[in-house]
C-alpha atoms as a PDB file:
ATOM      1  CA  ARG A   1     -53.940  49.018  11.512  1.00  0.00           C
ATOM      2  CA  HIS A   2     -50.736  48.328  13.474  1.00  0.00           C
ATOM      3  CA  GLY A   3     -47.429  50.046  12.849  1.00  0.00           C
ATOM      4  CA  GLN A   4     -45.017  48.527  10.358  1.00  0.00           C
ATOM      5  CA  ILE A   5     -42.140  46.312  11.530  1.00  0.00           C
ATOM      6  CA  THR A   6     -38.780  47.978  11.127  1.00  0.00           C
ATOM      7  CA  GLN A   7     -35.537  46.239  10.218  1.00  0.00           C
ATOM      8  CA  THR A   8     -34.274  46.505  13.801  1.00  0.00           C
ATOM      9  CA  GLN A   9     -37.310  44.637  15.135  1.00  0.00           C
ATOM     10  CA  LEU A  10     -36.702  41.575  12.926  1.00  0.00           C
ATOM     11  CA  PRO A  11     -34.633  38.725  14.381  1.00  0.00           C
ATOM     12  CA  ASN A  12     -31.070  38.540  13.100  1.00  0.00           C
ATOM     13  CA  PRO A  13     -30.753  35.380  10.952  1.00  0.00           C
ATOM     14  CA  TYR A  14     -27.037  35.153  11.778  1.00  0.00           C
ATOM     15  CA  ASP A  15     -27.370  34.994  15.567  1.00  0.00           C
ATOM     16  CA  ASP A  16     -27.225  31.187  15.627  1.00  0.00           C
ATOM     17  CA  ALA A  17     -24.895  30.746  12.653  1.00  0.00           C
ATOM     18  CA  PHE A  18     -21.703  28.717  12.793  1.00  0.00           C
ATOM     19  CA  GLU A  19     -18.414  30.520  13.070  1.00  0.00           C
ATOM     20  CA  GLU A  20     -15.322  29.678  11.102  1.00  0.00           C
ATOM     21  CA  ALA A  21     -13.237  27.008  12.801  1.00  0.00           C
ATOM     22  CA  PRO A  22      -9.879  28.119  14.179  1.00  0.00           C
ATOM     23  CA  GLN A  23      -7.020  27.288  11.865  1.00  0.00           C
ATOM     24  CA  THR A  24      -3.650  25.891  12.787  1.00  0.00           C
ATOM     25  CA  PRO A  25      -0.701  28.198  12.182  1.00  0.00           C
ATOM     26  CA  LEU A  26       1.365  27.692   9.059  1.00  0.00           C
ATOM     27  CA  SER A  27       4.481  25.590   9.443  1.00  0.00           C
ATOM     28  CA  GLY A  28       7.384  24.575   7.274  1.00  0.00           C
ATOM     29  CA  VAL A  29       9.708  26.480   5.027  1.00  0.00           C
ATOM     30  CA  PRO A  30       8.123  28.928   2.589  1.00  0.00           C
ATOM     31  CA  LEU A  31       8.760  28.062  -1.032  1.00  0.00           C
ATOM     32  CA  LYS A  32      10.526  30.583  -3.218  1.00  0.00           C
ATOM     33  CA  GLY A  33       9.788  31.324  -6.840  1.00  0.00           C
ATOM     34  CA  GLY A  34       6.635  31.085  -8.886  1.00  0.00           C
ATOM     35  CA  ILE A  35       3.798  28.593  -8.802  1.00  0.00           C
ATOM     36  CA  SER A  36       5.393  26.526 -11.578  1.00  0.00           C
ATOM     37  CA  ASP A  37       8.504  26.165  -9.387  1.00  0.00           C
ATOM     38  CA  TRP A  38       6.312  24.956  -6.511  1.00  0.00           C
ATOM     39  CA  ALA A  39       4.600  22.446  -8.787  1.00  0.00           C
ATOM     40  CA  ALA A  40       7.949  21.166 -10.065  1.00  0.00           C
ATOM     41  CA  GLU A  41       9.222  20.737  -6.507  1.00  0.00           C
ATOM     42  CA  MET A  42       6.090  18.850  -5.464  1.00  0.00           C
ATOM     43  CA  GLU A  43       6.407  16.645  -8.560  1.00  0.00           C
ATOM     44  CA  ARG A  44      10.029  15.819  -7.711  1.00  0.00           C
ATOM     45  CA  ALA A  45       9.032  14.908  -4.149  1.00  0.00           C
ATOM     46  CA  ALA A  46       6.166  12.717  -5.386  1.00  0.00           C
ATOM     47  CA  LEU A  47       8.437  10.940  -7.882  1.00  0.00           C
ATOM     48  CA  ALA A  48      11.016  10.294  -5.166  1.00  0.00           C
ATOM     49  CA  ASP A  49       8.309   8.780  -2.953  1.00  0.00           C
ATOM     50  CA  MET A  50       7.061   6.646  -5.862  1.00  0.00           C
ATOM     51  CA  ARG A  51      10.563   5.404  -6.641  1.00  0.00           C
ATOM     52  CA  ALA A  52      11.172   4.475  -3.006  1.00  0.00           C
ATOM     53  CA  ALA A  53       7.863   2.592  -2.845  1.00  0.00           C
ATOM     54  CA  ARG A  54       8.578   0.822  -6.140  1.00  0.00           C
ATOM     55  CA  LYS A  55      12.068  -0.145  -4.934  1.00  0.00           C
ATOM     56  CA  GLU A  56      10.593  -1.675  -1.764  1.00  0.00           C
ATOM     57  CA  GLU A  57       7.928  -3.495  -3.792  1.00  0.00           C
ATOM     58  CA  THR A  58      10.550  -4.876  -6.192  1.00  0.00           C
ATOM     59  CA  ARG A  59      12.688  -6.049  -3.258  1.00  0.00           C
ATOM     60  CA  ALA A  60       9.707  -7.874  -1.763  1.00  0.00           C
ATOM     61  CA  ILE A  61       8.848  -9.507  -5.108  1.00  0.00           C
ATOM     62  CA  ARG A  62      12.433 -10.659  -5.681  1.00  0.00           C
ATOM     63  CA  SER A  63      12.676 -11.936  -2.128  1.00  0.00           C
ATOM     64  CA  ALA A  64       9.475 -13.950  -2.532  1.00  0.00           C
ATOM     65  CA  ALA A  65      10.571 -15.220  -5.943  1.00  0.00           C
ATOM     66  CA  GLY A  66      13.633 -16.883  -4.454  1.00  0.00           C
ATOM     67  CA  THR A  67      11.633 -18.848  -1.883  1.00  0.00           C
ATOM     68  CA  HIS A  68      10.187 -21.227  -4.474  1.00  0.00           C
ATOM     69  CA  ARG A  69      13.708 -22.448  -5.275  1.00  0.00           C
ATOM     70  CA  VAL A  70      14.355 -23.292  -1.634  1.00  0.00           C
ATOM     71  CA  THR A  71      11.032 -25.146  -1.381  1.00  0.00           C
ATOM     72  CA  ALA A  72      11.722 -27.085  -4.590  1.00  0.00           C
ATOM     73  CA  GLU A  73      15.180 -28.091  -3.381  1.00  0.00           C
ATOM     74  CA  LYS A  74      13.787 -29.298  -0.038  1.00  0.00           C
ATOM     75  CA  LEU A  75      11.270 -31.464  -1.898  1.00  0.00           C
ATOM     76  CA  ARG A  76      14.025 -32.897  -4.102  1.00  0.00           C
ATOM     77  CA  ILE A  77      16.194 -33.826  -1.098  1.00  0.00           C
ATOM     78  CA  ALA A  78      13.356 -35.464   0.815  1.00  0.00           C
END
């Protein structure tokens, strides 16, 4: 009978494992206050972005809505 295999004789299963990817350093201004304050600030920023997008969408709709009047008037003149 041969001698028993010891733990040091076994191959290490982690030799070929992936390492954690390097992370980019943190940037920006740290937020103050509790988590609920952070959530409220993020909500305000999201609402401001939504309002700006909605304003642009409304402007485009109103701009396009006026073009049918110009087309109708051109047809009437011709």
